[in-house]
Amino acid sequence: MPDLSTAHDAHLSLWQSAVEAASGGAALESEQDDVESVESEAQNELTAATAAVVEAKDPCVDCENDELPPHNEELAEMSALHLQLAEAELAKNPIDQKITERLLATTESFRSPAGSIFRTAVGLFKVFAGKVKRPVYHNWKKQGDGDIDYSTIKWRLPSKGRVVLLSDWGTGYYDAELVLRAACAFDPDAIIHGGDIYFAGTELECR
């Protein structure tokens, strides 16, 4: 499985997770039907194509200086259009939705297995986006069964790592997002938040 791209935009991150989940489910169905497993090739191609889309669209990534990861151009276009469709459906924007559907009609999306997986990912994206708007507090005593290290991601800083320290900023406010985007521009290896953390995300959610 190719590495997922680090996304600094919530929708890009959610789309990447949705495609990974949708393609993983398709691979499991193939194995259950005794069909030759496509987990290796098909799932990897979809994930790699979507990772390239994420890097190309991420406002914190300078694509002019950094080459995109190896990917299938046709699948990347399909992934980008389905992301556009997912955002249009989420925003209940019928005009953008119709435009995107017409663009998708010019691709192999409606006739290929990849297109079917991307359509599943559109549904998952909307589910994931709904959960982001209603975050769940993960209590280390309850969900973590009393493990004090619950939700902790083990990460060793490089010997010459770059760390950004943020004070207690108004998380949830528009300017807080701008502060985080500015922090990302420094390409830090870690961000330390000096204020309260109300929602402990699981490792999967943080990805």
Protein backbone atom coordinates (compact mmCIF):
# COMPACT_ATOMS: atom_id res chain seq x y z
CA MET A 1 0.00 0.00 0.00
CA PRO A 2 1.48 3.39 -1.00
CA ASP A 3 1.87 6.03 1.70
CA LEU A 4 -0.98 8.46 2.17
CA SER A 5 -0.09 12.10 1.60
CA THR A 6 -0.12 14.45 4.58
CA ALA A 7 -3.06 16.79 3.98
CA HIS A 8 -3.43 20.17 5.68
CA ASP A 9 -6.99 20.59 4.39
CA ALA A 10 -9.80 18.69 6.14
CA HIS A 11 -11.70 17.79 2.96
CA LEU A 12 -8.57 16.55 1.19
CA SER A 13 -7.73 14.38 4.18
CA LEU A 14 -11.28 13.03 4.38
CA TRP A 15 -11.34 12.27 0.65
CA GLN A 16 -8.11 10.31 0.93
CA SER A 17 -9.54 8.30 3.83
CA ALA A 18 -12.81 7.70 1.95
CA VAL A 19 -11.01 6.34 -1.14
CA GLU A 20 -8.80 4.12 1.00
CA ALA A 21 -11.84 2.73 2.84
CA ALA A 22 -13.87 2.23 -0.36
CA SER A 23 -11.06 0.51 -2.25
CA GLY A 24 -10.26 -1.67 0.76
CA GLY A 25 -13.89 -2.82 0.93
CA ALA A 26 -13.89 -3.69 -2.76
CA ALA A 27 -10.75 -5.77 -2.31
CA LEU A 28 -12.33 -7.71 0.55
CA GLU A 29 -15.40 -8.51 -1.57
CA SER A 30 -13.17 -9.82 -4.35
CA GLU A 31 -11.39 -12.14 -1.93
CA GLN A 32 -14.69 -13.44 -0.55
CA ASP A 33 -15.93 -14.24 -4.05
CA ASP A 34 -12.80 -16.29 -4.70
CA VAL A 35 -11.86 -13.88 -7.46
CA GLU A 36 -8.16 -13.20 -7.80
CA SER A 37 -7.40 -10.54 -5.19
CA VAL A 38 -7.05 -7.01 -6.55
CA GLU A 39 -5.97 -5.58 -3.20
CA SER A 40 -2.41 -5.18 -4.34
CA GLU A 41 -2.80 -3.52 -7.71
CA ALA A 42 -6.22 -1.84 -7.90
CA GLN A 43 -6.27 -0.54 -4.34
CA ASN A 44 -2.70 0.70 -4.60
CA GLU A 45 -3.41 2.50 -7.87
CA LEU A 46 -6.50 4.25 -6.49
CA THR A 47 -4.70 5.27 -3.31
CA ALA A 48 -1.65 6.52 -5.20
CA ALA A 49 -3.80 8.50 -7.66
CA THR A 50 -5.73 10.12 -4.82
CA ALA A 51 -2.52 10.91 -2.91
CA ALA A 52 -1.30 12.75 -6.00
CA VAL A 53 -4.57 14.72 -6.15
CA VAL A 54 -4.19 15.65 -2.49
CA GLU A 55 -0.64 16.91 -2.98
CA ALA A 56 -1.62 18.85 -6.10
CA LYS A 57 -4.54 20.58 -4.36
CA ASP A 58 -3.00 21.08 -0.91
CA PRO A 59 -2.39 24.82 -0.36
CA CYS A 60 0.58 24.06 1.88
CA VAL A 61 2.46 22.04 -0.73
CA ASP A 62 4.59 23.69 -3.41
CA CYS A 63 3.99 21.36 -6.36
CA GLU A 64 6.32 23.33 -8.61
CA ASN A 65 9.31 22.23 -6.56
CA ASP A 66 8.10 18.81 -5.44
CA GLU A 67 7.27 16.06 -7.90
CA LEU A 68 3.98 14.28 -7.35
CA PRO A 69 4.17 10.61 -6.33
CA PRO A 70 3.97 8.05 -9.19
CA HIS A 71 0.34 7.67 -10.22
CA ASN A 72 -2.10 6.87 -13.01
CA GLU A 73 -3.15 10.17 -14.64
CA GLU A 74 -6.57 8.87 -15.70
CA LEU A 75 -7.36 7.64 -12.18
CA ALA A 76 -6.10 10.91 -10.69
CA GLU A 77 -8.47 12.88 -12.93
CA MET A 78 -11.30 10.56 -11.94
CA SER A 79 -10.45 10.97 -8.25
CA ALA A 80 -10.31 14.78 -8.53
CA LEU A 81 -13.69 14.92 -10.28
CA HIS A 82 -15.33 12.65 -7.71
CA LEU A 83 -13.92 14.83 -4.92
CA GLN A 84 -15.46 17.82 -6.70
CA LEU A 85 -18.76 15.91 -6.90
CA ALA A 86 -18.60 14.97 -3.21
CA GLU A 87 -18.04 18.60 -2.19
CA ALA A 88 -20.90 19.77 -4.44
CA GLU A 89 -23.28 17.21 -2.92
CA LEU A 90 -22.12 18.10 0.59
CA ALA A 91 -22.72 21.80 -0.09
CA LYS A 92 -26.05 20.99 -1.80
CA ASN A 93 -24.92 22.88 -4.88
CA PRO A 94 -26.93 21.48 -7.84
CA ILE A 95 -25.13 23.59 -10.45
CA ASP A 96 -21.62 22.37 -9.51
CA GLN A 97 -23.01 18.85 -9.16
CA LYS A 98 -24.46 18.87 -12.68
CA ILE A 99 -21.28 20.35 -14.17
CA THR A 100 -19.14 17.70 -12.47
CA GLU A 101 -21.44 14.88 -13.56
CA ARG A 102 -21.12 16.07 -17.16
CA LEU A 103 -17.34 16.11 -16.84
CA LEU A 104 -17.40 12.60 -15.36
CA ALA A 105 -19.48 11.44 -18.33
CA THR A 106 -16.49 12.19 -20.58
CA THR A 107 -14.33 9.73 -18.61
CA GLU A 108 -14.55 5.97 -18.11
CA SER A 109 -16.03 6.56 -14.66
CA PHE A 110 -19.49 5.10 -15.31
CA ARG A 111 -18.08 2.01 -17.02
CA SER A 112 -15.07 1.06 -14.90
CA PRO A 113 -14.67 -0.69 -11.53
CA ALA A 114 -12.59 2.27 -10.36
CA GLY A 115 -15.51 4.61 -11.02
CA SER A 116 -17.76 2.41 -8.90
CA ILE A 117 -15.26 2.56 -6.03
CA PHE A 118 -14.96 6.34 -6.32
CA ARG A 119 -18.77 6.65 -6.19
CA THR A 120 -18.72 4.62 -2.98
CA ALA A 121 -16.02 6.97 -1.70
CA VAL A 122 -18.31 9.96 -2.38
CA GLY A 123 -20.85 8.48 0.03
CA LEU A 124 -18.20 7.73 2.63
CA PHE A 125 -16.79 11.25 2.28
CA LYS A 126 -20.17 12.74 3.22
CA VAL A 127 -20.42 10.40 6.22
CA PHE A 128 -16.91 11.32 7.37
CA ALA A 129 -17.58 15.04 6.88
CA GLY A 130 -20.69 14.77 9.04
CA LYS A 131 -18.65 13.19 11.83
CA VAL A 132 -16.07 15.98 11.64
CA LYS A 133 -18.83 18.53 12.27
CA ARG A 134 -19.94 16.50 15.28
CA PRO A 135 -16.62 15.42 16.81
CA VAL A 136 -16.69 12.65 19.38
CA TYR A 137 -14.74 13.10 22.60
CA HIS A 138 -12.59 10.03 23.11
CA ASN A 139 -12.18 9.62 26.85
CA TRP A 140 -8.95 7.81 27.71
CA LYS A 141 -10.69 6.20 30.70
CA LYS A 142 -13.73 4.99 28.75
CA GLN A 143 -12.80 4.37 25.10
CA GLY A 144 -9.17 3.89 26.09
CA ASP A 145 -9.92 1.42 28.90
CA GLY A 146 -7.82 3.46 31.31
CA ASP A 147 -4.72 3.52 29.11
CA ILE A 148 -3.03 6.88 29.79
CA ASP A 149 -1.32 6.64 26.39
CA TYR A 150 -4.64 6.21 24.55
CA SER A 151 -4.74 8.33 21.38
CA THR A 152 -1.02 9.04 21.67
CA ILE A 153 0.82 8.72 18.36
CA LYS A 154 4.40 7.60 18.84
CA TRP A 155 6.65 9.90 16.88
CA ARG A 156 10.38 10.42 17.28
CA LEU A 157 11.60 13.80 16.10
CA PRO A 158 14.52 13.85 13.66
CA SER A 159 17.86 15.00 15.08
CA LYS A 160 17.39 18.35 13.33
CA GLY A 161 13.62 18.45 13.52
CA ARG A 162 11.57 21.62 13.22
CA VAL A 163 8.90 22.20 15.88
CA VAL A 164 6.14 24.82 15.85
CA LEU A 165 4.77 25.92 19.24
CA LEU A 166 1.27 27.45 19.22
CA SER A 167 -0.27 29.18 22.20
CA ASP A 168 -3.87 28.64 23.31
CA TRP A 169 -5.62 29.80 20.15
CA GLY A 170 -9.39 29.92 19.58
CA THR A 171 -9.79 26.59 17.84
CA GLY A 172 -12.92 26.66 15.71
CA TYR A 173 -12.56 30.30 14.73
CA TYR A 174 -11.66 31.28 11.19
CA ASP A 175 -8.40 32.98 12.17
CA ALA A 176 -7.30 29.82 14.00
CA GLU A 177 -7.37 27.99 10.66
CA LEU A 178 -5.21 30.74 9.15
CA VAL A 179 -2.71 30.37 12.00
CA LEU A 180 -2.47 26.62 11.37
CA ARG A 181 -1.99 27.17 7.64
CA ALA A 182 0.79 29.66 8.40
CA ALA A 183 2.38 27.10 10.75
CA CYS A 184 2.22 24.45 8.01
CA ALA A 185 4.17 26.75 5.71
CA PHE A 186 7.20 26.15 7.94
CA ASP A 187 6.94 22.43 7.12
CA PRO A 188 7.29 21.41 10.79
CA ASP A 189 8.01 17.87 11.93
CA ALA A 190 5.65 18.44 14.86
CA ILE A 191 3.22 21.06 16.15
CA ILE A 192 2.89 21.54 19.91
CA HIS A 193 -0.36 23.17 21.02
CA GLY A 194 0.03 24.95 24.35
CA GLY A 195 -3.67 25.18 25.15
CA ASP A 196 -6.51 22.85 25.96
CA ILE A 197 -7.22 19.91 23.68
CA TYR A 198 -10.89 19.02 23.94
CA PHE A 199 -11.10 16.27 21.36
CA ALA A 200 -8.61 13.41 21.37
CA GLY A 201 -8.52 11.94 17.88
CA THR A 202 -7.64 8.35 17.18
CA GLU A 203 -4.66 7.64 14.94
CA LEU A 204 -6.99 6.83 12.03
CA GLU A 205 -8.84 10.13 12.47
CA CYS A 206 -5.57 12.05 12.58
CA ARG A 207 -4.55 10.51 9.25
